[in-house]
């Protein structure tokens, strides 16, 4: 003998199948809610996650760059855009001797070309192994050796034409390893020491593209990464660098300061997303509540027949609740499926349009987010059906049989 719950579920399913247009319309409302929630969550979480990972990977309290290059530096660190700017190394000693600075290291940025001279347009990062606290710990953690002259490491998203070689300005350089994926701009960068950088600058391809270098690679710096001493005020030290060093063609920013534009964009997107979701919740609940109320009033005779056959009020209410559960689950499920497909197919245009470096597509993250979206979809659908459920369970048998409006 079939259980009561299976009978209720079967009856609810048959009711939904018998009214396909109404069922699809109600599922569509939930579908839109689920899609909006899932997509907005992925976009916002991706921006926040990339920003946090970039900040953590830097491990610096202050960043010093040439004057008026703050935006280029932020775009390079967050979006992975190519940049190439320098200042003279003589200013490094001046800055590093200021009080409150614990350690500092330098980096130089060189951009390759999307031309026959190079395998790809790639950001090259030149670091100093003796002072570096950004790239070197990363290599040591993975048990990787420091690159020597003519050697380099490539980011996780770089796919060279040959597995162990990459060409820059007409010369091939040996790839000694590919770094693990970080979901930051470092995934599209190439890492080398100053000896390899000098070899690139001395090549004929470099001279043809940019002319003969006026300075040696060892004398050029693109940025200084600074860690301050415990208890020191990073903002105060940055102000001191900016205003106490006369004639310096550099500007200092705290890590949060250089990402201020990105942080504002993330906060704005989060705010817009929250407002959108509140509006969607109100609209979907209102729409479903209206449809449930109208259809239940149309089905009073049906419920009257069931009641006269001995179906109790709780079972009648269970049919309505089960219909709401099925609508919420299917609408949420299909919304998530469509959202995942859309994010995969249109990931590149989305990233370019919204300036998002990487979309978070980790399976564990997507599964957890999907479960949350389906749970919310079912909860909203059930909430919308509660009034109809209450009316069915409270109406007297004779009123149901007569088809009176609930």
Protein backbone atom coordinates (compact mmCIF):
# COMPACT_ATOMS: atom_id res chain seq x y z
CA UNK A 1 0.00 0.00 0.00
CA UNK A 2 1.33 3.38 -0.97
CA UNK A 3 2.27 5.82 1.78
CA UNK A 4 0.39 9.06 2.29
CA UNK A 5 3.37 11.17 1.27
CA UNK A 6 3.81 9.34 -2.04
CA UNK A 7 0.10 9.76 -2.83
CA UNK A 8 0.27 13.49 -2.05
CA UNK A 9 3.38 13.87 -4.20
CA UNK A 10 1.81 11.96 -7.07
CA UNK A 11 -1.33 14.07 -6.95
CA UNK A 12 0.68 17.31 -6.87
CA UNK A 13 2.73 16.18 -9.86
CA UNK A 14 -0.40 15.26 -11.82
CA UNK A 15 -1.93 18.65 -11.03
CA UNK A 16 1.14 20.47 -12.35
CA UNK A 17 1.24 18.33 -15.49
CA UNK A 18 -2.45 18.96 -16.16
CA UNK A 19 -1.83 22.74 -16.23
CA UNK A 20 1.47 23.05 -18.12
CA UNK A 21 1.12 26.75 -19.02
CA UNK A 22 0.45 27.80 -15.45
CA UNK A 23 3.24 25.55 -14.17
CA UNK A 24 5.78 26.90 -16.67
CA UNK A 25 4.86 30.50 -15.87
CA UNK A 26 5.37 29.91 -12.14
CA UNK A 27 8.64 28.09 -12.78
CA UNK A 28 9.77 31.00 -14.94
CA UNK A 29 9.45 33.42 -12.02
CA UNK A 30 11.60 31.17 -9.84
CA UNK A 31 13.97 30.62 -12.77
CA UNK A 32 14.61 34.38 -13.04
CA UNK A 33 15.23 34.65 -9.30
CA UNK A 34 17.67 31.74 -9.30
CA UNK A 35 19.51 33.01 -12.38
CA UNK A 36 19.88 36.52 -10.97
CA UNK A 37 21.10 35.29 -7.60
CA UNK A 38 23.57 32.79 -9.07
CA UNK A 39 25.09 35.11 -11.69
CA UNK A 40 25.37 38.14 -9.42
CA UNK A 41 26.95 36.02 -6.67
CA UNK A 42 29.56 34.59 -9.06
CA UNK A 43 30.46 38.05 -10.41
CA UNK A 44 30.73 39.75 -7.02
CA UNK A 45 32.53 36.84 -5.35
CA UNK A 46 34.99 36.64 -8.27
CA UNK A 47 35.91 40.32 -7.97
CA UNK A 48 36.23 40.15 -4.19
CA UNK A 49 38.21 36.92 -4.32
CA UNK A 50 40.64 38.17 -6.95
CA UNK A 51 41.18 41.42 -5.07
CA UNK A 52 41.86 39.57 -1.82
CA UNK A 53 44.19 37.06 -3.48
CA UNK A 54 46.10 39.82 -5.26
CA UNK A 55 46.55 41.71 -1.99
CA UNK A 56 47.62 38.57 -0.14
CA UNK A 57 50.03 37.56 -2.91
CA UNK A 58 51.69 41.00 -2.88
CA UNK A 59 52.39 40.86 0.84
CA UNK A 60 53.37 44.54 0.76
CA UNK A 61 52.07 47.44 2.80
CA UNK A 62 53.24 50.19 0.42
CA UNK A 63 53.79 50.25 -3.34
CA UNK A 64 56.03 52.90 -4.93
CA UNK A 65 55.65 53.58 -8.66
CA UNK A 66 56.56 56.43 -11.02
CA UNK A 67 54.36 59.50 -10.73
CA UNK A 68 50.98 59.31 -12.47
CA UNK A 69 51.23 55.54 -13.01
CA UNK A 70 48.96 54.48 -10.16
CA UNK A 71 46.14 53.43 -12.49
CA UNK A 72 48.46 51.46 -14.78
CA UNK A 73 49.91 49.65 -11.77
CA UNK A 74 46.46 48.80 -10.37
CA UNK A 75 45.28 47.54 -13.77
CA UNK A 76 48.40 45.42 -14.12
CA UNK A 77 48.08 43.84 -10.66
CA UNK A 78 44.32 43.30 -10.76
CA UNK A 79 43.43 42.86 -14.43
CA UNK A 80 46.74 41.60 -15.79
CA UNK A 81 46.99 44.38 -18.37
CA UNK A 82 50.41 44.92 -19.90
CA UNK A 83 52.45 47.83 -18.59
CA UNK A 84 55.98 49.13 -19.00
CA UNK A 85 57.21 52.07 -16.94
CA UNK A 86 60.40 52.67 -14.98
CA UNK A 87 62.30 55.07 -12.75
CA UNK A 88 65.98 55.23 -11.80
CA UNK A 89 67.22 52.80 -9.15
CA UNK A 90 69.00 55.62 -7.28
CA UNK A 91 65.72 56.45 -5.55
CA UNK A 92 65.49 52.96 -4.06
CA UNK A 93 68.30 53.62 -1.57
CA UNK A 94 66.76 56.93 -0.58
CA UNK A 95 63.37 55.37 0.16
CA UNK A 96 64.69 52.23 1.85
CA UNK A 97 66.62 54.29 4.43
CA UNK A 98 63.50 55.96 5.80
CA UNK A 99 62.43 55.12 9.34
CA UNK A 100 59.71 52.51 9.80
CA UNK A 101 60.57 50.42 6.73
CA UNK A 102 61.33 46.80 7.56
CA UNK A 103 62.20 45.53 4.09
CA UNK A 104 61.66 46.42 0.47
CA UNK A 105 62.18 44.79 -2.88
CA UNK A 106 62.02 46.00 -6.46
CA UNK A 107 60.38 44.76 -9.62
CA UNK A 108 60.67 45.84 -13.23
CA UNK A 109 57.94 45.33 -15.82
CA UNK A 110 58.56 44.69 -19.50
CA UNK A 111 55.87 43.96 -22.07
CA UNK A 112 56.40 41.68 -25.05
CA UNK A 113 54.61 42.21 -28.34
CA UNK A 114 51.83 40.33 -30.10
CA UNK A 115 54.00 39.96 -33.19
CA UNK A 116 56.27 37.49 -34.96
CA UNK A 117 59.10 38.44 -32.62
CA UNK A 118 57.33 36.99 -29.59
CA UNK A 119 55.28 33.92 -28.73
CA UNK A 120 52.59 36.12 -27.18
CA UNK A 121 51.92 39.55 -25.74
CA UNK A 122 52.97 38.84 -22.17
CA UNK A 123 53.85 40.80 -19.06
CA UNK A 124 57.42 40.07 -17.97
CA UNK A 125 58.20 40.63 -14.28
CA UNK A 126 61.85 41.00 -13.29
CA UNK A 127 62.48 40.42 -9.59
CA UNK A 128 65.52 40.53 -7.31
CA UNK A 129 66.00 37.12 -5.59
CA UNK A 130 68.23 38.67 -2.89
CA UNK A 131 65.51 40.97 -1.52
CA UNK A 132 62.31 39.52 -2.97
CA UNK A 133 59.50 38.48 -0.60
CA UNK A 134 56.78 38.06 -3.22
CA UNK A 135 57.91 35.59 -5.90
CA UNK A 136 60.76 33.80 -4.10
CA UNK A 137 58.62 32.42 -1.20
CA UNK A 138 56.16 31.19 -3.83
CA UNK A 139 58.94 29.24 -5.55
CA UNK A 140 60.38 27.93 -2.29
CA UNK A 141 56.95 26.71 -1.19
CA UNK A 142 56.73 24.55 -4.31
CA UNK A 143 60.35 23.44 -4.07
CA UNK A 144 61.37 25.29 -7.26
CA UNK A 145 64.83 26.63 -7.97
CA UNK A 146 65.51 30.27 -8.74
CA UNK A 147 65.80 31.03 -12.46
CA UNK A 148 69.26 31.63 -13.88
CA UNK A 149 70.29 33.68 -16.91
CA UNK A 150 68.17 32.69 -19.92
CA UNK A 151 65.65 30.85 -17.72
CA UNK A 152 62.18 31.84 -16.61
CA UNK A 153 58.94 30.68 -15.03
CA UNK A 154 55.56 31.16 -16.69
CA UNK A 155 52.13 31.68 -15.18
CA UNK A 156 49.47 28.98 -15.10
CA UNK A 157 47.42 30.42 -17.98
CA UNK A 158 50.28 30.84 -20.46
CA UNK A 159 50.39 28.18 -23.17
CA UNK A 160 53.69 28.43 -25.06
CA UNK A 161 54.00 26.90 -28.57
CA UNK A 162 56.72 24.60 -27.23
CA UNK A 163 56.57 23.02 -23.76
CA UNK A 164 60.01 24.17 -22.58
CA UNK A 165 60.70 27.25 -24.70
CA UNK A 166 59.19 30.68 -25.29
CA UNK A 167 60.31 33.38 -27.71
CA UNK A 168 60.76 37.07 -26.89
CA UNK A 169 62.02 39.54 -29.49
CA UNK A 170 63.38 36.86 -31.77
CA UNK A 171 65.25 34.87 -29.10
CA UNK A 172 64.18 31.63 -27.37
CA UNK A 173 64.33 31.36 -23.59
CA UNK A 174 64.18 28.22 -21.49
CA UNK A 175 61.04 27.56 -19.42
CA UNK A 176 62.04 25.79 -16.21
CA UNK A 177 58.55 25.54 -14.76
CA UNK A 178 54.93 26.64 -14.78
CA UNK A 179 53.59 28.10 -11.56
CA UNK A 180 50.39 26.97 -9.89
CA UNK A 181 47.19 28.84 -10.65
CA UNK A 182 46.38 31.73 -8.32
CA UNK A 183 43.37 33.32 -10.10
CA UNK A 184 45.29 36.61 -10.14
CA UNK A 185 47.14 38.56 -12.83
CA UNK A 186 50.27 36.53 -12.04
CA UNK A 187 48.72 33.64 -13.98
CA UNK A 188 49.46 35.49 -17.24
CA UNK A 189 52.96 36.74 -16.35
CA UNK A 190 56.50 35.54 -16.96
CA UNK A 191 59.06 35.74 -14.14
CA UNK A 192 62.79 36.20 -14.59
CA UNK A 193 65.88 37.79 -13.05
CA UNK A 194 67.63 40.97 -14.19
CA UNK A 195 70.30 38.99 -16.12
CA UNK A 196 67.65 37.51 -18.42
CA UNK A 197 65.98 40.91 -18.75
CA UNK A 198 69.27 42.44 -19.83
CA UNK A 199 69.73 39.69 -22.39
CA UNK A 200 66.29 40.53 -23.82
CA UNK A 201 67.06 44.27 -23.91
CA UNK A 202 70.34 43.57 -25.73
CA UNK A 203 68.64 41.53 -28.45
CA UNK A 204 68.23 42.81 -32.00
CA UNK A 205 64.45 42.33 -31.78
CA UNK A 206 64.24 44.64 -28.79
CA UNK A 207 66.34 47.30 -30.55
CA UNK A 208 64.13 47.06 -33.63
CA UNK A 209 60.98 47.51 -31.55
CA UNK A 210 62.09 50.11 -28.99
CA UNK A 211 65.54 51.29 -30.01
CA UNK A 212 68.78 50.81 -28.12
CA UNK A 213 68.25 50.86 -24.33
CA UNK A 214 69.52 54.04 -22.67
CA UNK A 215 70.03 52.32 -19.30
CA UNK A 216 70.97 48.87 -18.09
CA UNK A 217 68.21 46.66 -16.72
CA UNK A 218 69.94 46.67 -13.32
CA UNK A 219 69.54 50.46 -13.12
CA UNK A 220 65.80 50.50 -13.80
CA UNK A 221 62.89 49.93 -11.44
CA UNK A 222 59.16 49.85 -12.10
CA UNK A 223 57.93 49.45 -8.55
CA UNK A 224 59.09 49.10 -4.97
CA UNK A 225 57.20 46.79 -2.65
CA UNK A 226 57.63 47.83 0.98
CA UNK A 227 56.85 46.13 4.25
CA UNK A 228 56.70 48.42 7.28
CA UNK A 229 57.83 47.56 10.78
CA UNK A 230 55.33 46.25 13.31
CA UNK A 231 53.39 49.16 14.76
CA UNK A 232 54.43 51.56 12.00
CA UNK A 233 51.78 53.57 10.15
CA UNK A 234 51.90 52.65 6.45
CA UNK A 235 49.89 55.73 5.47
CA UNK A 236 52.28 58.04 7.34
CA UNK A 237 55.31 56.45 5.69
CA UNK A 238 53.68 56.74 2.26
CA UNK A 239 53.02 60.44 2.92
CA UNK A 240 56.64 60.89 3.97
CA UNK A 241 57.85 59.32 0.73
CA UNK A 242 55.54 61.57 -1.29
CA UNK A 243 56.30 64.88 0.44
CA UNK A 244 59.71 64.68 2.12
CA UNK A 245 61.87 63.47 -0.77
CA UNK A 246 62.50 66.46 -3.00
CA UNK A 247 62.60 65.94 -6.74
CA UNK A 248 61.64 62.28 -6.58
CA UNK A 249 59.71 61.20 -9.70
CA UNK A 250 57.82 58.62 -7.68
CA UNK A 251 54.61 58.27 -5.71
CA UNK A 252 53.85 55.93 -2.82
CA UNK A 253 50.50 54.28 -2.15
CA UNK A 254 49.26 51.90 0.48
CA UNK A 255 48.06 48.59 -0.95
CA UNK A 256 44.43 49.49 -0.30
CA UNK A 257 45.05 52.96 -1.71
CA UNK A 258 46.32 51.74 -5.05
CA UNK A 259 43.28 49.46 -5.31
CA UNK A 260 40.83 52.17 -4.20
CA UNK A 261 39.18 52.32 -7.63
CA UNK A 262 38.77 48.55 -7.73
CA UNK A 263 37.44 48.48 -4.17
CA UNK A 264 34.88 51.16 -5.06
CA UNK A 265 33.79 49.14 -8.10
CA UNK A 266 33.38 45.99 -6.00
CA UNK A 267 31.37 47.87 -3.37
CA UNK A 268 29.16 49.42 -6.06
CA UNK A 269 28.54 46.05 -7.70
CA UNK A 270 27.75 44.50 -4.32
CA UNK A 271 25.28 47.28 -3.57
CA UNK A 272 23.58 47.03 -6.95
CA UNK A 273 23.41 43.25 -6.62
CA UNK A 274 21.79 43.48 -3.18
CA UNK A 275 19.16 45.96 -4.40
CA UNK A 276 18.46 43.79 -7.45
CA UNK A 277 17.99 40.69 -5.34
CA UNK A 278 15.61 42.41 -2.92
CA UNK A 279 13.52 43.66 -5.85
CA UNK A 280 13.55 40.21 -7.45
CA UNK A 281 12.46 38.58 -4.19
CA UNK A 282 9.56 41.00 -3.77
CA UNK A 283 8.45 40.64 -7.39
CA UNK A 284 8.71 36.84 -7.46
CA UNK A 285 6.90 36.38 -4.14
CA UNK A 286 4.16 38.77 -5.23
CA UNK A 287 3.76 37.06 -8.62
CA UNK A 288 3.71 33.54 -7.19
CA UNK A 289 1.36 34.54 -4.39
CA UNK A 290 -1.06 36.00 -6.93
CA UNK A 291 -0.91 32.95 -9.21
CA UNK A 292 -1.32 30.50 -6.32
CA UNK A 293 -4.30 32.45 -4.97
CA UNK A 294 -6.03 32.66 -8.36
CA UNK A 295 -5.49 29.00 -9.24
CA UNK A 296 -6.52 27.74 -5.81
CA UNK A 297 -9.79 29.67 -6.11
CA UNK A 298 -10.33 28.00 -9.49
CA UNK A 299 -9.74 24.57 -7.94
CA UNK A 300 -12.13 24.75 -4.98
CA UNK A 301 -14.46 22.16 -6.54
CA UNK A 302 -11.52 19.83 -7.09
CA UNK A 303 -10.53 20.12 -3.44
CA UNK A 304 -14.18 19.68 -2.45
CA UNK A 305 -14.37 16.36 -4.29
CA UNK A 306 -11.15 15.19 -2.65
CA UNK A 307 -12.43 16.25 0.77
CA UNK A 308 -15.72 14.43 0.24
CA UNK A 309 -13.76 11.28 -0.60
CA UNK A 310 -12.08 11.45 2.79
CA UNK A 311 -8.92 13.42 2.06
CA UNK A 312 -8.15 15.39 5.21
CA UNK A 313 -7.36 19.10 5.35
CA UNK A 314 -3.67 18.47 6.17
CA UNK A 315 -3.38 16.30 3.06
CA UNK A 316 -5.03 18.98 0.91
CA UNK A 317 -2.59 21.50 2.31
CA UNK A 318 0.22 19.04 1.64
CA UNK A 319 -0.74 18.88 -2.05
CA UNK A 320 -0.44 22.67 -2.36
CA UNK A 321 2.87 22.73 -0.47
CA UNK A 322 4.24 19.90 -2.60
CA UNK A 323 3.32 21.79 -5.76
CA UNK A 324 5.17 24.81 -4.41
CA UNK A 325 8.21 22.67 -3.59
CA UNK A 326 8.32 21.12 -7.06
CA UNK A 327 7.96 24.50 -8.77
CA UNK A 328 10.69 26.04 -6.60
CA UNK A 329 13.10 23.15 -7.11
CA UNK A 330 12.68 22.83 -10.87
CA UNK A 331 12.76 26.60 -11.43
CA UNK A 332 15.91 26.94 -9.32
CA UNK A 333 17.60 23.93 -10.90
CA UNK A 334 17.04 25.06 -14.48
CA UNK A 335 18.08 28.61 -13.56
CA UNK A 336 21.40 27.35 -12.24
CA UNK A 337 21.99 25.11 -15.27
CA UNK A 338 21.39 27.96 -17.70
CA UNK A 339 23.54 30.32 -15.61
CA UNK A 340 26.50 27.93 -15.58
CA UNK A 341 26.30 27.40 -19.35
CA UNK A 342 26.04 31.15 -19.98
CA UNK A 343 28.98 31.97 -17.70
CA UNK A 344 31.14 29.37 -19.44
CA UNK A 345 30.17 30.37 -23.00
CA UNK A 346 30.38 34.12 -22.43
CA UNK A 347 33.11 34.26 -19.78
CA UNK A 348 35.50 36.33 -21.91
CA UNK A 349 32.99 39.07 -22.89
CA UNK A 350 31.78 39.23 -19.28
CA UNK A 351 35.31 39.61 -17.95
CA UNK A 352 36.16 42.32 -20.48
CA UNK A 353 32.91 44.26 -20.05
CA UNK A 354 32.92 44.19 -16.24
CA UNK A 355 36.72 44.28 -15.78
CA UNK A 356 36.82 40.99 -13.87
CA UNK A 357 40.19 39.19 -14.12
CA UNK A 358 38.90 35.67 -13.48
CA UNK A 359 35.51 34.10 -12.88
CA UNK A 360 35.43 31.71 -9.95
CA UNK A 361 34.53 28.37 -11.52
CA UNK A 362 35.79 26.03 -8.82
CA UNK A 363 33.50 23.00 -8.58
CA UNK A 364 33.20 23.13 -4.79
CA UNK A 365 32.25 26.83 -4.87
CA UNK A 366 29.67 26.33 -7.64
CA UNK A 367 28.11 23.34 -5.86
CA UNK A 368 27.71 25.23 -2.59
CA UNK A 369 26.31 28.29 -4.38
CA UNK A 370 23.93 26.08 -6.38
CA UNK A 371 22.62 24.47 -3.20
CA UNK A 372 22.02 27.92 -1.67
CA UNK A 373 20.17 29.13 -4.77
CA UNK A 374 17.96 26.03 -4.95
CA UNK A 375 17.20 26.30 -1.23
CA UNK A 376 16.18 29.96 -1.63
CA UNK A 377 14.09 29.13 -4.70
CA UNK A 378 12.19 26.41 -2.84
CA UNK A 379 11.81 28.64 0.23
CA UNK A 380 10.37 31.50 -1.84
CA UNK A 381 7.98 29.17 -3.66
CA UNK A 382 6.82 27.61 -0.38
CA UNK A 383 6.40 31.03 1.21
CA UNK A 384 4.25 32.13 -1.71
CA UNK A 385 2.02 29.07 -1.35
CA UNK A 386 1.46 29.38 2.42
CA UNK A 387 -1.58 31.64 2.12
CA UNK A 388 -3.28 29.27 -0.30
CA UNK A 389 -2.36 26.34 1.93
CA UNK A 390 -3.89 28.02 4.94
CA UNK A 391 -7.09 28.88 3.05
CA UNK A 392 -7.53 25.30 1.82
CA UNK A 393 -6.98 23.79 5.25
CA UNK A 394 -9.38 26.26 6.96
CA UNK A 395 -12.28 26.15 4.51
CA UNK A 396 -15.24 23.96 5.45
CA UNK A 397 -16.16 20.93 3.36
CA UNK A 398 -19.48 22.30 2.11
CA UNK A 399 -17.78 25.47 0.92
CA UNK A 400 -15.24 23.45 -1.05
CA UNK A 401 -17.90 21.27 -2.66
CA UNK A 402 -19.95 24.33 -3.69
CA UNK A 403 -16.82 25.88 -5.26
CA UNK A 404 -17.00 29.02 -3.14
CA UNK A 405 -14.12 31.45 -3.48
CA UNK A 406 -11.51 30.87 -0.81
